[in-house]
Amino acid sequence: QVQLVESGGGLVQAGGSLRLSCAGSGRTFSNYAMAWFRQAPGKEREFVADIRWSGGRTYTADSVKGRFTISRDNAKSTVYLQMNSLKPEDTAVYCCAAGLGGSDNINDYAWWGQGTQVTVSS
């Protein structure tokens, strides 16, 4: 079992920045690929970015490419999402997830955090 707790969400103006954190506990954090997904009201959960266990490979959705960066610190069992140049359409609940493979597919992730709200005002 892996427990995940997100933090760092909040209200920010368009063009601003936030850094989300996801702290893991339980099984060895470094064994797992990690990802961020988001879900806006009335919409399906959407892939944002993922990172392999070593941090050597990352993949970012086109909608956030060039603005968001995923990273991880296995010594701290934490994955981060740096979000810059935020837009109102980035408003959503952001959740981190852990899985064995690493992909943009929700079904590849077995453990999920509760999420943190990000609201971007225009």
N, C-alpha and C. Protein backbone atom coordinates (compact mmCIF):
# COMPACT_ATOMS: atom_id res chain seq x y z
N GLN A 1 0.84 -1.19 0.00
CA GLN A 1 0.00 0.00 0.00
C GLN A 1 0.88 1.25 0.00
N VAL A 2 0.47 2.23 -0.76
CA VAL A 2 1.17 3.51 -0.83
C VAL A 2 0.18 4.60 -0.45
N GLN A 3 0.56 5.45 0.47
CA GLN A 3 -0.27 6.59 0.84
C GLN A 3 0.32 7.85 0.22
N LEU A 4 -0.54 8.67 -0.35
CA LEU A 4 -0.10 9.88 -1.03
C LEU A 4 -0.88 11.08 -0.50
N VAL A 5 -0.18 12.15 -0.19
CA VAL A 5 -0.82 13.36 0.32
C VAL A 5 -0.30 14.56 -0.46
N GLU A 6 -1.22 15.25 -1.12
CA GLU A 6 -0.86 16.43 -1.90
C GLU A 6 -0.96 17.70 -1.06
N SER A 7 -0.18 18.69 -1.45
CA SER A 7 -0.25 20.01 -0.82
C SER A 7 0.22 21.04 -1.83
N GLY A 8 -0.02 22.32 -1.51
CA GLY A 8 0.49 23.39 -2.34
C GLY A 8 -0.54 24.07 -3.23
N GLY A 9 -1.75 23.56 -3.24
CA GLY A 9 -2.77 24.20 -4.06
C GLY A 9 -3.21 25.53 -3.46
N GLY A 10 -4.04 26.25 -4.21
CA GLY A 10 -4.54 27.52 -3.72
C GLY A 10 -5.11 28.37 -4.83
N LEU A 11 -5.32 29.63 -4.51
CA LEU A 11 -5.87 30.60 -5.45
C LEU A 11 -4.74 31.48 -5.96
N VAL A 12 -4.65 31.62 -7.27
CA VAL A 12 -3.59 32.42 -7.88
C VAL A 12 -4.16 33.16 -9.09
N GLN A 13 -3.60 34.31 -9.39
CA GLN A 13 -4.03 35.05 -10.56
C GLN A 13 -3.41 34.46 -11.83
N ALA A 14 -4.07 34.67 -12.93
CA ALA A 14 -3.55 34.22 -14.22
C ALA A 14 -2.14 34.78 -14.43
N GLY A 15 -1.26 33.93 -14.92
CA GLY A 15 0.13 34.30 -15.11
C GLY A 15 1.02 33.96 -13.93
N GLY A 16 0.41 33.60 -12.83
CA GLY A 16 1.17 33.28 -11.63
C GLY A 16 1.68 31.85 -11.61
N SER A 17 2.29 31.47 -10.49
CA SER A 17 2.91 30.16 -10.35
C SER A 17 2.50 29.50 -9.04
N LEU A 18 2.51 28.19 -9.05
CA LEU A 18 2.32 27.38 -7.85
C LEU A 18 3.21 26.16 -7.97
N ARG A 19 3.61 25.62 -6.83
CA ARG A 19 4.31 24.33 -6.82
C ARG A 19 3.53 23.37 -5.94
N LEU A 20 3.09 22.30 -6.55
CA LEU A 20 2.40 21.24 -5.82
C LEU A 20 3.41 20.20 -5.36
N SER A 21 3.13 19.63 -4.19
CA SER A 21 3.94 18.55 -3.66
C SER A 21 3.04 17.35 -3.38
N CYS A 22 3.62 16.18 -3.49
CA CYS A 22 2.91 14.94 -3.18
C CYS A 22 3.87 14.08 -2.37
N ALA A 23 3.56 13.91 -1.10
CA ALA A 23 4.41 13.13 -0.21
C ALA A 23 3.90 11.70 -0.13
N GLY A 24 4.81 10.75 -0.33
CA GLY A 24 4.45 9.35 -0.31
C GLY A 24 4.93 8.66 0.96
N SER A 25 4.21 7.63 1.36
CA SER A 25 4.63 6.81 2.49
C SER A 25 4.12 5.40 2.26
N GLY A 26 4.64 4.46 3.05
CA GLY A 26 4.24 3.08 2.87
C GLY A 26 5.35 2.30 2.19
N ARG A 27 5.07 1.77 1.04
CA ARG A 27 6.07 1.00 0.31
C ARG A 27 7.17 1.92 -0.22
N THR A 28 8.23 1.33 -0.70
CA THR A 28 9.37 2.08 -1.18
C THR A 28 8.96 3.00 -2.33
N PHE A 29 9.00 4.28 -2.06
CA PHE A 29 8.53 5.29 -3.01
C PHE A 29 9.27 5.22 -4.33
N SER A 30 10.57 4.96 -4.25
CA SER A 30 11.39 5.01 -5.45
C SER A 30 11.10 3.87 -6.43
N ASN A 31 10.32 2.89 -6.02
CA ASN A 31 9.98 1.79 -6.91
C ASN A 31 8.93 2.16 -7.95
N TYR A 32 8.26 3.28 -7.75
CA TYR A 32 7.06 3.59 -8.51
C TYR A 32 7.22 4.78 -9.44
N ALA A 33 6.58 4.65 -10.59
CA ALA A 33 6.38 5.81 -11.43
C ALA A 33 5.29 6.68 -10.78
N MET A 34 5.41 7.98 -10.98
CA MET A 34 4.47 8.91 -10.37
C MET A 34 3.87 9.80 -11.46
N ALA A 35 2.67 10.25 -11.20
CA ALA A 35 2.01 11.11 -12.19
C ALA A 35 1.11 12.12 -11.49
N TRP A 36 0.81 13.16 -12.22
CA TRP A 36 -0.21 14.13 -11.81
C TRP A 36 -1.34 14.09 -12.82
N PHE A 37 -2.56 14.07 -12.29
CA PHE A 37 -3.78 14.19 -13.09
C PHE A 37 -4.57 15.36 -12.53
N ARG A 38 -5.51 15.85 -13.30
CA ARG A 38 -6.38 16.92 -12.80
C ARG A 38 -7.81 16.69 -13.28
N GLN A 39 -8.74 17.23 -12.52
CA GLN A 39 -10.14 17.11 -12.88
C GLN A 39 -10.85 18.41 -12.60
N ALA A 40 -11.36 19.01 -13.65
CA ALA A 40 -12.14 20.23 -13.53
C ALA A 40 -13.61 19.88 -13.36
N PRO A 41 -14.42 20.77 -12.79
CA PRO A 41 -15.85 20.49 -12.59
C PRO A 41 -16.53 20.11 -13.90
N GLY A 42 -17.26 18.99 -13.87
CA GLY A 42 -18.00 18.56 -15.04
C GLY A 42 -17.18 17.92 -16.12
N LYS A 43 -15.88 17.72 -15.86
CA LYS A 43 -15.00 17.12 -16.87
C LYS A 43 -14.38 15.84 -16.34
N GLU A 44 -13.87 15.02 -17.26
CA GLU A 44 -13.19 13.79 -16.87
C GLU A 44 -11.80 14.10 -16.36
N ARG A 45 -11.26 13.14 -15.60
CA ARG A 45 -9.90 13.30 -15.10
C ARG A 45 -8.93 13.31 -16.28
N GLU A 46 -7.97 14.22 -16.23
CA GLU A 46 -7.07 14.47 -17.35
C GLU A 46 -5.62 14.29 -16.91
N PHE A 47 -4.84 13.60 -17.74
CA PHE A 47 -3.42 13.43 -17.47
C PHE A 47 -2.69 14.76 -17.60
N VAL A 48 -1.74 15.00 -16.67
CA VAL A 48 -0.94 16.22 -16.72
C VAL A 48 0.52 15.89 -17.02
N ALA A 49 1.12 15.02 -16.20
CA ALA A 49 2.54 14.69 -16.38
C ALA A 49 2.87 13.42 -15.61
N ASP A 50 3.91 12.71 -16.06
CA ASP A 50 4.38 11.56 -15.30
C ASP A 50 5.90 11.53 -15.30
N ILE A 51 6.44 10.76 -14.35
CA ILE A 51 7.89 10.66 -14.21
C ILE A 51 8.23 9.25 -13.77
N ARG A 52 9.23 8.66 -14.38
CA ARG A 52 9.64 7.31 -14.04
C ARG A 52 10.33 7.28 -12.67
N TRP A 53 10.55 6.07 -12.16
CA TRP A 53 11.04 5.91 -10.79
C TRP A 53 12.37 6.62 -10.58
N SER A 54 13.23 6.63 -11.60
CA SER A 54 14.56 7.24 -11.45
C SER A 54 14.54 8.73 -11.68
N GLY A 55 13.44 9.24 -12.23
CA GLY A 55 13.38 10.65 -12.59
C GLY A 55 14.03 10.94 -13.92
N GLY A 56 14.54 9.89 -14.60
CA GLY A 56 15.26 10.11 -15.83
C GLY A 56 14.39 10.35 -17.04
N ARG A 57 13.11 10.04 -16.93
CA ARG A 57 12.22 10.25 -18.06
C ARG A 57 10.93 10.87 -17.58
N THR A 58 10.53 11.94 -18.22
CA THR A 58 9.27 12.58 -17.90
C THR A 58 8.45 12.77 -19.17
N TYR A 59 7.16 12.91 -18.99
CA TYR A 59 6.26 13.18 -20.12
C TYR A 59 5.20 14.16 -19.65
N THR A 60 4.95 15.17 -20.46
CA THR A 60 4.02 16.22 -20.09
C THR A 60 2.96 16.37 -21.17
N ALA A 61 1.71 16.54 -20.76
CA ALA A 61 0.62 16.72 -21.71
C ALA A 61 0.82 18.00 -22.53
N ASP A 62 0.34 17.96 -23.75
CA ASP A 62 0.50 19.11 -24.65
C ASP A 62 -0.13 20.38 -24.07
N SER A 63 -1.21 20.21 -23.33
CA SER A 63 -1.94 21.35 -22.79
C SER A 63 -1.14 22.16 -21.78
N VAL A 64 -0.11 21.54 -21.19
CA VAL A 64 0.68 22.22 -20.17
C VAL A 64 2.16 22.25 -20.51
N LYS A 65 2.55 21.71 -21.64
CA LYS A 65 3.95 21.63 -22.01
C LYS A 65 4.55 23.03 -22.12
N GLY A 66 5.75 23.16 -21.54
CA GLY A 66 6.41 24.46 -21.53
C GLY A 66 6.04 25.32 -20.35
N ARG A 67 4.98 24.93 -19.63
CA ARG A 67 4.54 25.69 -18.45
C ARG A 67 4.67 24.88 -17.16
N PHE A 68 4.43 23.57 -17.22
CA PHE A 68 4.47 22.72 -16.04
C PHE A 68 5.68 21.79 -16.12
N THR A 69 6.27 21.53 -14.96
CA THR A 69 7.42 20.62 -14.88
C THR A 69 7.23 19.67 -13.72
N ILE A 70 7.36 18.38 -13.99
CA ILE A 70 7.28 17.37 -12.93
C ILE A 70 8.70 16.98 -12.53
N SER A 71 8.88 16.74 -11.24
CA SER A 71 10.17 16.28 -10.73
C SER A 71 9.93 15.45 -9.49
N ARG A 72 10.98 14.79 -9.02
CA ARG A 72 10.81 13.97 -7.81
C ARG A 72 12.11 13.97 -7.02
N ASP A 73 11.96 13.76 -5.73
CA ASP A 73 13.08 13.60 -4.81
C ASP A 73 12.82 12.32 -4.04
N ASN A 74 13.46 11.23 -4.47
CA ASN A 74 13.20 9.93 -3.84
C ASN A 74 13.68 9.88 -2.40
N ALA A 75 14.69 10.66 -2.06
CA ALA A 75 15.16 10.70 -0.68
C ALA A 75 14.10 11.27 0.25
N LYS A 76 13.25 12.13 -0.29
CA LYS A 76 12.17 12.74 0.49
C LYS A 76 10.82 12.09 0.19
N SER A 77 10.82 11.09 -0.68
CA SER A 77 9.58 10.41 -1.07
C SER A 77 8.53 11.42 -1.53
N THR A 78 8.95 12.34 -2.35
CA THR A 78 8.07 13.42 -2.77
C THR A 78 8.19 13.67 -4.27
N VAL A 79 7.06 13.93 -4.90
CA VAL A 79 7.03 14.34 -6.30
C VAL A 79 6.43 15.74 -6.34
N TYR A 80 6.91 16.53 -7.29
CA TYR A 80 6.51 17.93 -7.39
C TYR A 80 5.91 18.22 -8.76
N LEU A 81 5.09 19.25 -8.80
CA LEU A 81 4.61 19.79 -10.06
C LEU A 81 4.76 21.30 -9.99
N GLN A 82 5.74 21.81 -10.70
CA GLN A 82 5.92 23.26 -10.80
C GLN A 82 5.04 23.78 -11.92
N MET A 83 4.17 24.72 -11.59
CA MET A 83 3.22 25.24 -12.56
C MET A 83 3.45 26.74 -12.74
N ASN A 84 3.84 27.12 -13.93
CA ASN A 84 4.08 28.52 -14.26
C ASN A 84 3.11 29.00 -15.32
N SER A 85 3.01 30.30 -15.46
CA SER A 85 2.13 30.91 -16.47
C SER A 85 0.73 30.31 -16.41
N LEU A 86 0.19 30.23 -15.23
CA LEU A 86 -1.11 29.58 -15.04
C LEU A 86 -2.22 30.33 -15.76
N LYS A 87 -3.19 29.55 -16.23
CA LYS A 87 -4.34 30.08 -16.96
C LYS A 87 -5.62 29.68 -16.23
N PRO A 88 -6.70 30.42 -16.42
CA PRO A 88 -7.96 30.04 -15.78
C PRO A 88 -8.38 28.60 -16.12
N GLU A 89 -8.06 28.14 -17.31
CA GLU A 89 -8.44 26.77 -17.70
C GLU A 89 -7.62 25.70 -16.98
N ASP A 90 -6.61 26.11 -16.20
CA ASP A 90 -5.87 25.17 -15.39
C ASP A 90 -6.58 24.89 -14.06
N THR A 91 -7.65 25.60 -13.79
CA THR A 91 -8.40 25.40 -12.55
C THR A 91 -8.94 23.98 -12.49
N ALA A 92 -8.62 23.28 -11.40
CA ALA A 92 -9.02 21.89 -11.25
C ALA A 92 -8.54 21.38 -9.89
N VAL A 93 -8.99 20.18 -9.55
CA VAL A 93 -8.40 19.44 -8.45
C VAL A 93 -7.26 18.61 -9.02
N TYR A 94 -6.09 18.76 -8.46
CA TYR A 94 -4.90 18.06 -8.93
C TYR A 94 -4.60 16.90 -7.99
N CYS A 95 -4.45 15.71 -8.56
CA CYS A 95 -4.18 14.50 -7.79
C CYS A 95 -2.88 13.87 -8.25
N CYS A 96 -2.12 13.34 -7.32
CA CYS A 96 -0.96 12.55 -7.70
C CYS A 96 -1.32 11.07 -7.62
N ALA A 97 -0.56 10.27 -8.36
CA ALA A 97 -0.83 8.85 -8.43
C ALA A 97 0.47 8.08 -8.55
N ALA A 98 0.47 6.85 -8.07
CA ALA A 98 1.65 5.99 -8.12
C ALA A 98 1.31 4.69 -8.83
N GLY A 99 2.23 4.22 -9.66
CA GLY A 99 2.02 2.98 -10.38
C GLY A 99 3.34 2.35 -10.75
N LEU A 100 3.28 1.16 -11.36
CA LEU A 100 4.50 0.42 -11.66
C LEU A 100 5.12 0.83 -12.98
N GLY A 101 4.28 1.23 -13.96
CA GLY A 101 4.82 1.43 -15.30
C GLY A 101 5.12 2.87 -15.66
N GLY A 102 4.17 3.74 -15.40
CA GLY A 102 4.32 5.11 -15.86
C GLY A 102 3.72 5.30 -17.22
N SER A 103 2.64 6.07 -17.31
CA SER A 103 1.99 6.34 -18.58
C SER A 103 0.97 7.46 -18.38
N ASP A 104 0.22 7.76 -19.43
CA ASP A 104 -0.84 8.77 -19.30
C ASP A 104 -2.20 8.12 -19.08
N ASN A 105 -2.20 6.83 -18.79
CA ASN A 105 -3.44 6.08 -18.63
C ASN A 105 -3.80 5.96 -17.16
N ILE A 106 -4.98 6.43 -16.80
CA ILE A 106 -5.44 6.36 -15.40
C ILE A 106 -5.37 4.95 -14.85
N ASN A 107 -5.68 3.99 -15.67
CA ASN A 107 -5.77 2.59 -15.21
C ASN A 107 -4.41 1.99 -14.85
N ASP A 108 -3.32 2.67 -15.19
CA ASP A 108 -1.99 2.16 -14.87
C ASP A 108 -1.53 2.57 -13.48
N TYR A 109 -2.35 3.31 -12.77
CA TYR A 109 -1.96 3.81 -11.46
C TYR A 109 -2.87 3.21 -10.38
N ALA A 110 -2.24 2.57 -9.40
CA ALA A 110 -3.00 1.84 -8.38
C ALA A 110 -3.30 2.68 -7.14
N TRP A 111 -2.49 3.68 -6.87
CA TRP A 111 -2.65 4.46 -5.63
C TRP A 111 -2.81 5.94 -5.98
N TRP A 112 -3.73 6.57 -5.27
CA TRP A 112 -4.09 7.96 -5.54
C TRP A 112 -4.16 8.77 -4.26
N GLY A 113 -3.78 10.04 -4.36
CA GLY A 113 -4.01 10.96 -3.26
C GLY A 113 -5.41 11.54 -3.34
N GLN A 114 -5.75 12.35 -2.34
CA GLN A 114 -7.09 12.95 -2.27
C GLN A 114 -7.23 14.17 -3.16
N GLY A 115 -6.11 14.79 -3.49
CA GLY A 115 -6.16 15.93 -4.38
C GLY A 115 -6.02 17.25 -3.66
N THR A 116 -5.60 18.26 -4.41
CA THR A 116 -5.49 19.62 -3.90
C THR A 116 -6.08 20.57 -4.94
N GLN A 117 -6.86 21.54 -4.47
CA GLN A 117 -7.56 22.44 -5.38
C GLN A 117 -6.64 23.55 -5.86
N VAL A 118 -6.64 23.77 -7.17
CA VAL A 118 -5.94 24.89 -7.78
C VAL A 118 -6.98 25.74 -8.50
N THR A 119 -7.04 27.02 -8.14
CA THR A 119 -7.98 27.93 -8.77
C THR A 119 -7.21 29.12 -9.34
N VAL A 120 -7.40 29.36 -10.63
CA VAL A 120 -6.70 30.44 -11.31
C VAL A 120 -7.73 31.49 -11.72
N SER A 121 -7.59 32.67 -11.20
CA SER A 121 -8.54 33.75 -11.50
C SER A 121 -8.03 34.57 -12.69
N SER A 122 -8.98 35.08 -13.46
CA SER A 122 -8.62 35.86 -14.65
C SER A 122 -8.44 37.33 -14.32
